[in-house]
Amino acid sequence: GALRGRASVHLVDKEFFLVTRIVDLLLAEPSYAAGTRLTRDHRPAALA
């Protein structure tokens, strides 16, 4: 409660991260933006 509005937590599920990497690296051009909101158009394929 003391940190509300003053902090954030970004969660990464490791297995889902691997799946996004399969899509980002092997179906698209690898980039340092991969795995972030900047490549959200790849997320539906990884989720499926």
All heavy atoms as atom14 arrays in JSON, in Angstrom:
{
  "sequence": "GALRGRASVHLVDKEFFLVTRIVDLLLAEPSYAAGTRLTRDHRPAALA",
  "atom14_mask": [
    [1, 1, 1, 1, 0, 0, 0, 0, 0, 0, 0, 0, 0, 0],
    [1, 1, 1, 1, 1, 0, 0, 0, 0, 0, 0, 0, 0, 0],
    [1, 1, 1, 1, 1, 1, 1, 1, 0, 0, 0, 0, 0, 0],
    [1, 1, 1, 1, 1, 1, 1, 1, 1, 1, 1, 0, 0, 0],
    [1, 1, 1, 1, 0, 0, 0, 0, 0, 0, 0, 0, 0, 0],
    [1, 1, 1, 1, 1, 1, 1, 1, 1, 1, 1, 0, 0, 0],
    [1, 1, 1, 1, 1, 0, 0, 0, 0, 0, 0, 0, 0, 0],
    [1, 1, 1, 1, 1, 1, 0, 0, 0, 0, 0, 0, 0, 0],
    [1, 1, 1, 1, 1, 1, 1, 0, 0, 0, 0, 0, 0, 0],
    [1, 1, 1, 1, 1, 1, 1, 1, 1, 1, 0, 0, 0, 0],
    [1, 1, 1, 1, 1, 1, 1, 1, 0, 0, 0, 0, 0, 0],
    [1, 1, 1, 1, 1, 1, 1, 0, 0, 0, 0, 0, 0, 0],
    [1, 1, 1, 1, 1, 1, 1, 1, 0, 0, 0, 0, 0, 0],
    [1, 1, 1, 1, 1, 1, 1, 1, 1, 0, 0, 0, 0, 0],
    [1, 1, 1, 1, 1, 1, 1, 1, 1, 0, 0, 0, 0, 0],
    [1, 1, 1, 1, 1, 1, 1, 1, 1, 1, 1, 0, 0, 0],
    [1, 1, 1, 1, 1, 1, 1, 1, 1, 1, 1, 0, 0, 0],
    [1, 1, 1, 1, 1, 1, 1, 1, 0, 0, 0, 0, 0, 0],
    [1, 1, 1, 1, 1, 1, 1, 0, 0, 0, 0, 0, 0, 0],
    [1, 1, 1, 1, 1, 1, 1, 0, 0, 0, 0, 0, 0, 0],
    [1, 1, 1, 1, 1, 1, 1, 1, 1, 1, 1, 0, 0, 0],
    [1, 1, 1, 1, 1, 1, 1, 1, 0, 0, 0, 0, 0, 0],
    [1, 1, 1, 1, 1, 1, 1, 0, 0, 0, 0, 0, 0, 0],
    [1, 1, 1, 1, 1, 1, 1, 1, 0, 0, 0, 0, 0, 0],
    [1, 1, 1, 1, 1, 1, 1, 1, 0, 0, 0, 0, 0, 0],
    [1, 1, 1, 1, 1, 1, 1, 1, 0, 0, 0, 0, 0, 0],
    [1, 1, 1, 1, 1, 1, 1, 1, 0, 0, 0, 0, 0, 0],
    [1, 1, 1, 1, 1, 0, 0, 0, 0, 0, 0, 0, 0, 0],
    [1, 1, 1, 1, 1, 1, 1, 1, 1, 0, 0, 0, 0, 0],
    [1, 1, 1, 1, 1, 1, 1, 0, 0, 0, 0, 0, 0, 0],
    [1, 1, 1, 1, 1, 1, 0, 0, 0, 0, 0, 0, 0, 0],
    [1, 1, 1, 1, 1, 1, 1, 1, 1, 1, 1, 1, 0, 0],
    [1, 1, 1, 1, 1, 0, 0, 0, 0, 0, 0, 0, 0, 0],
    [1, 1, 1, 1, 1, 0, 0, 0, 0, 0, 0, 0, 0, 0],
    [1, 1, 1, 1, 0, 0, 0, 0, 0, 0, 0, 0, 0, 0],
    [1, 1, 1, 1, 1, 1, 1, 0, 0, 0, 0, 0, 0, 0],
    [1, 1, 1, 1, 1, 1, 1, 1, 1, 1, 1, 0, 0, 0],
    [1, 1, 1, 1, 1, 1, 1, 1, 0, 0, 0, 0, 0, 0],
    [1, 1, 1, 1, 1, 1, 1, 0, 0, 0, 0, 0, 0, 0],
    [1, 1, 1, 1, 1, 1, 1, 1, 1, 1, 1, 0, 0, 0],
    [1, 1, 1, 1, 1, 1, 1, 1, 0, 0, 0, 0, 0, 0],
    [1, 1, 1, 1, 1, 1, 1, 1, 1, 1, 0, 0, 0, 0],
    [1, 1, 1, 1, 1, 1, 1, 1, 1, 1, 1, 0, 0, 0],
    [1, 1, 1, 1, 1, 1, 1, 0, 0, 0, 0, 0, 0, 0],
    [1, 1, 1, 1, 1, 0, 0, 0, 0, 0, 0, 0, 0, 0],
    [1, 1, 1, 1, 1, 0, 0, 0, 0, 0, 0, 0, 0, 0],
    [1, 1, 1, 1, 1, 1, 1, 1, 0, 0, 0, 0, 0, 0],
    [1, 1, 1, 1, 1, 0, 0, 0, 0, 0, 0, 0, 0, 0]
  ],
  "atom14_positions": [
    [[0.82, -1.21, 0.0], [0.0, 0.0, 0.0], [0.85, 1.26, 0.0], [0.51, 2.24, -0.66], [0.0, 0.0, 0.0], [0.0, 0.0, 0.0], [0.0, 0.0, 0.0], [0.0, 0.0, 0.0], [0.0, 0.0, 0.0], [0.0, 0.0, 0.0], [0.0, 0.0, 0.0], [0.0, 0.0, 0.0], [0.0, 0.0, 0.0], [0.0, 0.0, 0.0]],
    [[1.96, 1.22, 0.73], [2.84, 2.39, 0.79], [3.49, 2.7, -0.55], [3.87, 3.84, -0.83], [3.92, 2.17, 1.85], [0.0, 0.0, 0.0], [0.0, 0.0, 0.0], [0.0, 0.0, 0.0], [0.0, 0.0, 0.0], [0.0, 0.0, 0.0], [0.0, 0.0, 0.0], [0.0, 0.0, 0.0], [0.0, 0.0, 0.0], [0.0, 0.0, 0.0]],
    [[3.62, 1.67, -1.41], [4.27, 1.85, -2.7], [3.3, 2.14, -3.83], [3.73, 2.36, -4.97], [5.09, 0.6, -3.04], [6.35, 0.37, -2.21], [6.99, -0.95, -2.56], [7.34, 1.51, -2.41], [0.0, 0.0, 0.0], [0.0, 0.0, 0.0], [0.0, 0.0, 0.0], [0.0, 0.0, 0.0], [0.0, 0.0, 0.0], [0.0, 0.0, 0.0]],
    [[2.02, 2.13, -3.54], [1.04, 2.36, -4.61], [1.27, 3.73, -5.25], [1.36, 4.76, -4.58], [-0.37, 2.26, -4.05], [-1.44, 2.29, -5.13], [-2.81, 1.94, -4.57], [-2.87, 0.6, -4.0], [-3.98, 0.02, -3.58], [-5.13, 0.67, -3.65], [-3.94, -1.2, -3.07], [0.0, 0.0, 0.0], [0.0, 0.0, 0.0], [0.0, 0.0, 0.0]],
    [[1.38, 3.73, -6.56], [1.66, 4.97, -7.29], [3.12, 5.33, -7.35], [3.5, 6.28, -8.06], [0.0, 0.0, 0.0], [0.0, 0.0, 0.0], [0.0, 0.0, 0.0], [0.0, 0.0, 0.0], [0.0, 0.0, 0.0], [0.0, 0.0, 0.0], [0.0, 0.0, 0.0], [0.0, 0.0, 0.0], [0.0, 0.0, 0.0], [0.0, 0.0, 0.0]],
    [[3.96, 4.6, -6.6], [5.4, 4.91, -6.57], [6.24, 3.73, -7.03], [7.47, 3.77, -6.92], [5.82, 5.29, -5.14], [5.04, 6.42, -4.5], [5.26, 7.74, -5.22], [6.63, 8.14, -5.25], [7.26, 8.79, -4.24], [6.61, 9.06, -3.12], [8.52, 9.15, -4.37], [0.0, 0.0, 0.0], [0.0, 0.0, 0.0], [0.0, 0.0, 0.0]],
    [[5.61, 2.68, -7.51], [6.35, 1.48, -7.88], [5.6, 0.7, -8.94], [4.38, 0.88, -9.13], [6.59, 0.6, -6.65], [0.0, 0.0, 0.0], [0.0, 0.0, 0.0], [0.0, 0.0, 0.0], [0.0, 0.0, 0.0], [0.0, 0.0, 0.0], [0.0, 0.0, 0.0], [0.0, 0.0, 0.0], [0.0, 0.0, 0.0], [0.0, 0.0, 0.0]],
    [[6.32, -0.16, -9.64], [5.71, -1.06, -10.62], [6.45, -2.38, -10.61], [7.63, -2.46, -10.24], [5.74, -0.45, -12.03], [7.1, -0.37, -12.49], [0.0, 0.0, 0.0], [0.0, 0.0, 0.0], [0.0, 0.0, 0.0], [0.0, 0.0, 0.0], [0.0, 0.0, 0.0], [0.0, 0.0, 0.0], [0.0, 0.0, 0.0], [0.0, 0.0, 0.0]],
    [[5.74, -3.44, -11.01], [6.33, -4.77, -11.12], [6.0, -5.34, -12.49], [4.83, -5.42, -12.86], [5.8, -5.74, -10.04], [6.43, -7.12, -10.21], [6.09, -5.2, -8.64], [0.0, 0.0, 0.0], [0.0, 0.0, 0.0], [0.0, 0.0, 0.0], [0.0, 0.0, 0.0], [0.0, 0.0, 0.0], [0.0, 0.0, 0.0], [0.0, 0.0, 0.0]],
    [[7.04, -5.71, -13.22], [6.84, -6.35, -14.52], [7.07, -7.84, -14.33], [8.13, -8.28, -13.87], [7.81, -5.8, -15.56], [7.58, -6.34, -16.94], [6.52, -5.92, -17.73], [8.24, -7.27, -17.66], [6.56, -6.55, -18.88], [7.58, -7.39, -18.87], [0.0, 0.0, 0.0], [0.0, 0.0, 0.0], [0.0, 0.0, 0.0], [0.0, 0.0, 0.0]],
    [[6.09, -8.64, -14.7], [6.11, -10.09, -14.52], [6.43, -10.77, -15.85], [5.85, -10.42, -16.88], [4.76, -10.56, -14.0], [4.45, -12.05, -14.03], [5.3, -12.78, -13.01], [2.97, -12.29, -13.78], [0.0, 0.0, 0.0], [0.0, 0.0, 0.0], [0.0, 0.0, 0.0], [0.0, 0.0, 0.0], [0.0, 0.0, 0.0], [0.0, 0.0, 0.0]],
    [[7.33, -11.74, -15.83], [7.65, -12.53, -17.01], [7.48, -14.01, -16.68], [8.18, -14.54, -15.81], [9.09, -12.29, -17.51], [9.4, -13.18, -18.71], [9.3, -10.83, -17.87], [0.0, 0.0, 0.0], [0.0, 0.0, 0.0], [0.0, 0.0, 0.0], [0.0, 0.0, 0.0], [0.0, 0.0, 0.0], [0.0, 0.0, 0.0], [0.0, 0.0, 0.0]],
    [[6.53, -14.67, -17.35], [6.4, -16.11, -17.26], [7.47, -16.72, -18.18], [7.48, -16.47, -19.38], [5.0, -16.53, -17.71], [4.78, -18.03, -17.67], [5.42, -18.73, -18.47], [3.97, -18.48, -16.87], [0.0, 0.0, 0.0], [0.0, 0.0, 0.0], [0.0, 0.0, 0.0], [0.0, 0.0, 0.0], [0.0, 0.0, 0.0], [0.0, 0.0, 0.0]],
    [[8.36, -17.51, -17.6], [9.52, -17.97, -18.36], [9.15, -18.86, -19.54], [9.75, -18.78, -20.62], [10.5, -18.69, -17.42], [11.13, -17.77, -16.4], [12.03, -18.52, -15.43], [12.62, -17.57, -14.4], [13.46, -18.28, -13.4], [0.0, 0.0, 0.0], [0.0, 0.0, 0.0], [0.0, 0.0, 0.0], [0.0, 0.0, 0.0], [0.0, 0.0, 0.0]],
    [[8.16, -19.72, -19.37], [7.76, -20.6, -20.47], [7.11, -19.78, -21.59], [7.4, -20.0, -22.77], [6.8, -21.68, -19.98], [6.45, -22.68, -21.06], [5.62, -23.84, -20.53], [5.9, -24.31, -19.42], [4.67, -24.26, -21.24], [0.0, 0.0, 0.0], [0.0, 0.0, 0.0], [0.0, 0.0, 0.0], [0.0, 0.0, 0.0], [0.0, 0.0, 0.0]],
    [[6.25, -18.83, -21.23], [5.64, -18.0, -22.26], [6.69, -17.14, -22.95], [6.61, -16.88, -24.15], [4.53, -17.14, -21.66], [3.75, -16.36, -22.68], [3.13, -17.0, -23.74], [3.63, -14.99, -22.57], [2.42, -16.28, -24.69], [2.91, -14.27, -23.51], [2.31, -14.91, -24.57], [0.0, 0.0, 0.0], [0.0, 0.0, 0.0], [0.0, 0.0, 0.0]],
    [[7.69, -16.69, -22.18], [8.79, -15.94, -22.77], [9.47, -16.75, -23.87], [9.78, -16.22, -24.94], [9.8, -15.55, -21.7], [11.09, -15.02, -22.25], [11.19, -13.73, -22.76], [12.23, -15.82, -22.27], [12.39, -13.26, -23.28], [13.42, -15.36, -22.79], [13.51, -14.08, -23.29], [0.0, 0.0, 0.0], [0.0, 0.0, 0.0], [0.0, 0.0, 0.0]],
    [[9.7, -18.04, -23.61], [10.32, -18.89, -24.63], [9.48, -18.95, -25.9], [10.0, -18.92, -27.02], [10.54, -20.3, -24.09], [11.7, -20.5, -23.12], [11.72, -21.94, -22.62], [13.03, -20.15, -23.77], [0.0, 0.0, 0.0], [0.0, 0.0, 0.0], [0.0, 0.0, 0.0], [0.0, 0.0, 0.0], [0.0, 0.0, 0.0], [0.0, 0.0, 0.0]],
    [[8.16, -19.01, -25.72], [7.29, -19.09, -26.9], [7.34, -17.78, -27.68], [7.37, -17.79, -28.93], [5.85, -19.43, -26.48], [4.94, -19.5, -27.7], [5.81, -20.75, -25.73], [0.0, 0.0, 0.0], [0.0, 0.0, 0.0], [0.0, 0.0, 0.0], [0.0, 0.0, 0.0], [0.0, 0.0, 0.0], [0.0, 0.0, 0.0], [0.0, 0.0, 0.0]],
    [[7.37, -16.65, -26.99], [7.49, -15.38, -27.7], [8.83, -15.31, -28.44], [8.92, -14.72, -29.51], [7.36, -14.17, -26.76], [8.45, -14.14, -25.83], [6.04, -14.19, -26.01], [0.0, 0.0, 0.0], [0.0, 0.0, 0.0], [0.0, 0.0, 0.0], [0.0, 0.0, 0.0], [0.0, 0.0, 0.0], [0.0, 0.0, 0.0], [0.0, 0.0, 0.0]],
    [[9.86, -15.91, -27.86], [11.16, -15.92, -28.52], [11.12, -16.75, -29.8], [11.77, -16.41, -30.8], [12.23, -16.45, -27.58], [12.86, -15.4, -26.68], [13.48, -14.33, -27.53], [14.3, -13.41, -26.75], [14.05, -12.12, -26.6], [12.97, -11.61, -27.15], [14.84, -11.34, -25.93], [0.0, 0.0, 0.0], [0.0, 0.0, 0.0], [0.0, 0.0, 0.0]],
    [[10.39, -17.86, -29.8], [10.26, -18.67, -31.01], [9.66, -17.83, -32.12], [10.12, -17.84, -33.27], [9.4, -19.92, -30.73], [10.15, -20.88, -29.8], [9.04, -20.63, -32.04], [9.3, -22.02, -29.28], [0.0, 0.0, 0.0], [0.0, 0.0, 0.0], [0.0, 0.0, 0.0], [0.0, 0.0, 0.0], [0.0, 0.0, 0.0], [0.0, 0.0, 0.0]],
    [[8.63, -17.06, -31.78], [7.96, -16.22, -32.78], [8.85, -15.04, -33.17], [9.04, -14.76, -34.37], [6.6, -15.73, -32.24], [5.98, -14.71, -33.19], [5.66, -16.92, -32.03], [0.0, 0.0, 0.0], [0.0, 0.0, 0.0], [0.0, 0.0, 0.0], [0.0, 0.0, 0.0], [0.0, 0.0, 0.0], [0.0, 0.0, 0.0], [0.0, 0.0, 0.0]],
    [[9.42, -14.36, -32.19], [10.19, -13.14, -32.46], [11.48, -13.43, -33.23], [11.9, -12.63, -34.08], [10.54, -12.44, -31.15], [9.33, -11.86, -30.45], [8.33, -11.59, -31.13], [9.38, -11.68, -29.22], [0.0, 0.0, 0.0], [0.0, 0.0, 0.0], [0.0, 0.0, 0.0], [0.0, 0.0, 0.0], [0.0, 0.0, 0.0], [0.0, 0.0, 0.0]],
    [[12.12, -14.56, -32.92], [13.41, -14.87, -33.55], [13.28, -15.65, -34.85], [14.03, -15.42, -35.79], [14.28, -15.68, -32.59], [14.87, -14.98, -31.38], [15.59, -15.98, -30.5], [15.82, -13.87, -31.8], [0.0, 0.0, 0.0], [0.0, 0.0, 0.0], [0.0, 0.0, 0.0], [0.0, 0.0, 0.0], [0.0, 0.0, 0.0], [0.0, 0.0, 0.0]],
    [[12.33, -16.58, -34.89], [12.29, -17.53, -35.99], [11.19, -17.26, -37.01], [11.22, -17.83, -38.1], [12.14, -18.95, -35.45], [13.21, -19.39, -34.45], [12.99, -20.83, -34.03], [14.62, -19.18, -35.0], [0.0, 0.0, 0.0], [0.0, 0.0, 0.0], [0.0, 0.0, 0.0], [0.0, 0.0, 0.0], [0.0, 0.0, 0.0], [0.0, 0.0, 0.0]],
    [[10.24, -16.4, -36.68], [9.2, -16.03, -37.65], [9.28, -14.56, -38.05], [8.61, -14.15, -38.99], [7.81, -16.32, -37.07], [7.43, -17.79, -36.91], [6.06, -17.91, -36.28], [7.46, -18.51, -38.25], [0.0, 0.0, 0.0], [0.0, 0.0, 0.0], [0.0, 0.0, 0.0], [0.0, 0.0, 0.0], [0.0, 0.0, 0.0], [0.0, 0.0, 0.0]],
    [[10.07, -13.79, -37.33], [10.22, -12.37, -37.63], [11.71, -12.04, -37.62], [12.54, -12.89, -37.33], [9.47, -11.53, -36.6], [0.0, 0.0, 0.0], [0.0, 0.0, 0.0], [0.0, 0.0, 0.0], [0.0, 0.0, 0.0], [0.0, 0.0, 0.0], [0.0, 0.0, 0.0], [0.0, 0.0, 0.0], [0.0, 0.0, 0.0], [0.0, 0.0, 0.0]],
    [[12.03, -10.81, -37.93], [13.42, -10.39, -37.89], [13.81, -10.12, -36.43], [13.18, -9.32, -35.75], [13.62, -9.12, -38.72], [15.03, -8.56, -38.68], [16.08, -9.52, -39.23], [15.73, -10.37, -40.08], [17.26, -9.41, -38.82], [0.0, 0.0, 0.0], [0.0, 0.0, 0.0], [0.0, 0.0, 0.0], [0.0, 0.0, 0.0], [0.0, 0.0, 0.0]],
    [[14.84, -10.8, -35.92], [15.23, -10.6, -34.52], [15.56, -9.14, -34.23], [16.17, -8.46, -35.06], [16.48, -11.48, -34.38], [16.37, -12.49, -35.47], [15.68, -11.8, -36.6], [0.0, 0.0, 0.0], [0.0, 0.0, 0.0], [0.0, 0.0, 0.0], [0.0, 0.0, 0.0], [0.0, 0.0, 0.0], [0.0, 0.0, 0.0], [0.0, 0.0, 0.0]],
    [[15.15, -8.66, -33.07], [15.41, -7.27, -32.71], [15.42, -7.11, -31.21], [14.89, -7.94, -30.47], [14.34, -6.36, -33.31], [13.13, -6.46, -32.58], [0.0, 0.0, 0.0], [0.0, 0.0, 0.0], [0.0, 0.0, 0.0], [0.0, 0.0, 0.0], [0.0, 0.0, 0.0], [0.0, 0.0, 0.0], [0.0, 0.0, 0.0], [0.0, 0.0, 0.0]],
    [[16.01, -6.01, -30.77], [16.05, -5.71, -29.34], [14.71, -5.2, -28.83], [14.52, -5.08, -27.63], [17.16, -4.7, -29.03], [18.46, -5.38, -28.67], [19.29, -5.9, -29.65], [18.83, -5.53, -27.35], [20.48, -6.55, -29.33], [20.01, -6.16, -27.0], [20.83, -6.67, -27.99], [21.99, -7.33, -27.66], [0.0, 0.0, 0.0], [0.0, 0.0, 0.0]],
    [[13.79, -4.9, -29.72], [12.44, -4.52, -29.3], [11.58, -5.75, -29.03], [10.49, -5.63, -28.47], [11.79, -3.65, -30.37], [0.0, 0.0, 0.0], [0.0, 0.0, 0.0], [0.0, 0.0, 0.0], [0.0, 0.0, 0.0], [0.0, 0.0, 0.0], [0.0, 0.0, 0.0], [0.0, 0.0, 0.0], [0.0, 0.0, 0.0], [0.0, 0.0, 0.0]],
    [[12.06, -6.93, -29.43], [11.27, -8.16, -29.31], [10.9, -8.43, -27.86], [11.68, -8.18, -26.94], [12.05, -9.34, -29.89], [0.0, 0.0, 0.0], [0.0, 0.0, 0.0], [0.0, 0.0, 0.0], [0.0, 0.0, 0.0], [0.0, 0.0, 0.0], [0.0, 0.0, 0.0], [0.0, 0.0, 0.0], [0.0, 0.0, 0.0], [0.0, 0.0, 0.0]],
    [[9.71, -8.98, -27.67], [9.26, -9.34, -26.34], [8.69, -8.2, -25.54], [8.38, -8.36, -24.35], [0.0, 0.0, 0.0], [0.0, 0.0, 0.0], [0.0, 0.0, 0.0], [0.0, 0.0, 0.0], [0.0, 0.0, 0.0], [0.0, 0.0, 0.0], [0.0, 0.0, 0.0], [0.0, 0.0, 0.0], [0.0, 0.0, 0.0], [0.0, 0.0, 0.0]],
    [[8.53, -7.04, -26.16], [7.97, -5.87, -25.46], [6.69, -5.43, -26.17], [6.3, -5.96, -27.21], [8.97, -4.7, -25.46], [9.05, -4.14, -26.78], [10.36, -5.15, -25.02], [0.0, 0.0, 0.0], [0.0, 0.0, 0.0], [0.0, 0.0, 0.0], [0.0, 0.0, 0.0], [0.0, 0.0, 0.0], [0.0, 0.0, 0.0], [0.0, 0.0, 0.0]],
    [[6.07, -4.38, -25.63], [4.86, -3.83, -26.24], [5.12, -3.32, -27.65], [4.18, -3.15, -28.43], [4.32, -2.69, -25.38], [5.18, -1.44, -25.39], [4.71, -0.37, -24.45], [4.92, -0.77, -23.06], [4.62, 0.01, -22.03], [4.07, 1.19, -22.23], [4.84, -0.39, -20.81], [0.0, 0.0, 0.0], [0.0, 0.0, 0.0], [0.0, 0.0, 0.0]],
    [[6.37, -3.08, -27.99], [6.71, -2.57, -29.31], [6.54, -3.63, -30.39], [6.54, -3.31, -31.57], [8.14, -2.03, -29.32], [8.43, -0.94, -28.28], [9.89, -0.53, -28.32], [7.52, 0.27, -28.48], [0.0, 0.0, 0.0], [0.0, 0.0, 0.0], [0.0, 0.0, 0.0], [0.0, 0.0, 0.0], [0.0, 0.0, 0.0], [0.0, 0.0, 0.0]],
    [[6.42, -4.9, -29.99], [6.19, -5.98, -30.96], [4.91, -6.73, -30.61], [4.82, -7.94, -30.79], [7.38, -6.95, -31.0], [7.64, -7.44, -29.66], [8.63, -6.29, -31.53], [0.0, 0.0, 0.0], [0.0, 0.0, 0.0], [0.0, 0.0, 0.0], [0.0, 0.0, 0.0], [0.0, 0.0, 0.0], [0.0, 0.0, 0.0], [0.0, 0.0, 0.0]],
    [[3.93, -5.99, -30.13], [2.69, -6.64, -29.68], [1.93, -7.32, -30.82], [1.08, -8.18, -30.58], [1.79, -5.63, -28.99], [1.21, -4.56, -29.89], [0.4, -3.56, -29.07], [1.24, -2.75, -28.22], [0.76, -1.95, -27.25], [-0.52, -1.9, -27.01], [1.59, -1.23, -26.53], [0.0, 0.0, 0.0], [0.0, 0.0, 0.0], [0.0, 0.0, 0.0]],
    [[2.23, -6.95, -32.07], [1.55, -7.6, -33.19], [1.95, -9.06, -33.33], [1.25, -9.84, -33.98], [1.83, -6.85, -34.5], [3.31, -6.67, -34.77], [4.05, -6.42, -33.8], [3.73, -6.75, -35.93], [0.0, 0.0, 0.0], [0.0, 0.0, 0.0], [0.0, 0.0, 0.0], [0.0, 0.0, 0.0], [0.0, 0.0, 0.0], [0.0, 0.0, 0.0]],
    [[3.05, -9.47, -32.7], [3.47, -10.87, -32.71], [2.84, -11.67, -31.58], [2.91, -12.9, -31.59], [4.99, -10.98, -32.58], [5.75, -10.3, -33.66], [7.08, -9.95, -33.55], [5.38, -9.88, -34.9], [7.49, -9.35, -34.65], [6.47, -9.3, -35.49], [0.0, 0.0, 0.0], [0.0, 0.0, 0.0], [0.0, 0.0, 0.0], [0.0, 0.0, 0.0]],
    [[2.25, -10.99, -30.62], [1.77, -11.66, -29.41], [0.63, -12.65, -29.68], [0.59, -13.72, -29.05], [1.35, -10.63, -28.37], [1.25, -11.13, -26.95], [2.57, -11.59, -26.38], [3.61, -10.58, -26.44], [3.76, -9.6, -25.56], [2.92, -9.49, -24.56], [4.75, -8.74, -25.66], [0.0, 0.0, 0.0], [0.0, 0.0, 0.0], [0.0, 0.0, 0.0]],
    [[-0.34, -12.36, -30.58], [-1.41, -13.34, -30.81], [-0.89, -14.7, -31.28], [-1.41, -15.74, -30.86], [-2.29, -12.66, -31.87], [-2.06, -11.2, -31.66], [-0.62, -11.09, -31.29], [0.0, 0.0, 0.0], [0.0, 0.0, 0.0], [0.0, 0.0, 0.0], [0.0, 0.0, 0.0], [0.0, 0.0, 0.0], [0.0, 0.0, 0.0], [0.0, 0.0, 0.0]],
    [[0.12, -14.71, -32.14], [0.67, -15.98, -32.62], [1.32, -16.74, -31.48], [1.14, -17.96, -31.34], [1.69, -15.72, -33.73], [0.0, 0.0, 0.0], [0.0, 0.0, 0.0], [0.0, 0.0, 0.0], [0.0, 0.0, 0.0], [0.0, 0.0, 0.0], [0.0, 0.0, 0.0], [0.0, 0.0, 0.0], [0.0, 0.0, 0.0], [0.0, 0.0, 0.0]],
    [[2.07, -16.03, -30.64], [2.72, -16.69, -29.5], [1.69, -17.22, -28.52], [1.83, -18.33, -27.99], [3.66, -15.7, -28.8], [0.0, 0.0, 0.0], [0.0, 0.0, 0.0], [0.0, 0.0, 0.0], [0.0, 0.0, 0.0], [0.0, 0.0, 0.0], [0.0, 0.0, 0.0], [0.0, 0.0, 0.0], [0.0, 0.0, 0.0], [0.0, 0.0, 0.0]],
    [[0.65, -16.47, -28.29], [-0.39, -16.88, -27.35], [-1.13, -18.13, -27.85], [-1.4, -19.06, -27.08], [-1.37, -15.74, -27.12], [-2.45, -15.95, -26.06], [-1.83, -16.28, -24.71], [-3.33, -14.71, -25.96], [0.0, 0.0, 0.0], [0.0, 0.0, 0.0], [0.0, 0.0, 0.0], [0.0, 0.0, 0.0], [0.0, 0.0, 0.0], [0.0, 0.0, 0.0]],
    [[-1.42, -18.16, -29.15], [-2.11, -19.32, -29.72], [-1.25, -20.58, -29.59], [-1.75, -21.66, -29.22], [-2.44, -19.06, -31.19], [0.0, 0.0, 0.0], [0.0, 0.0, 0.0], [0.0, 0.0, 0.0], [0.0, 0.0, 0.0], [0.0, 0.0, 0.0], [0.0, 0.0, 0.0], [0.0, 0.0, 0.0], [0.0, 0.0, 0.0], [0.0, 0.0, 0.0]]
  ]
}
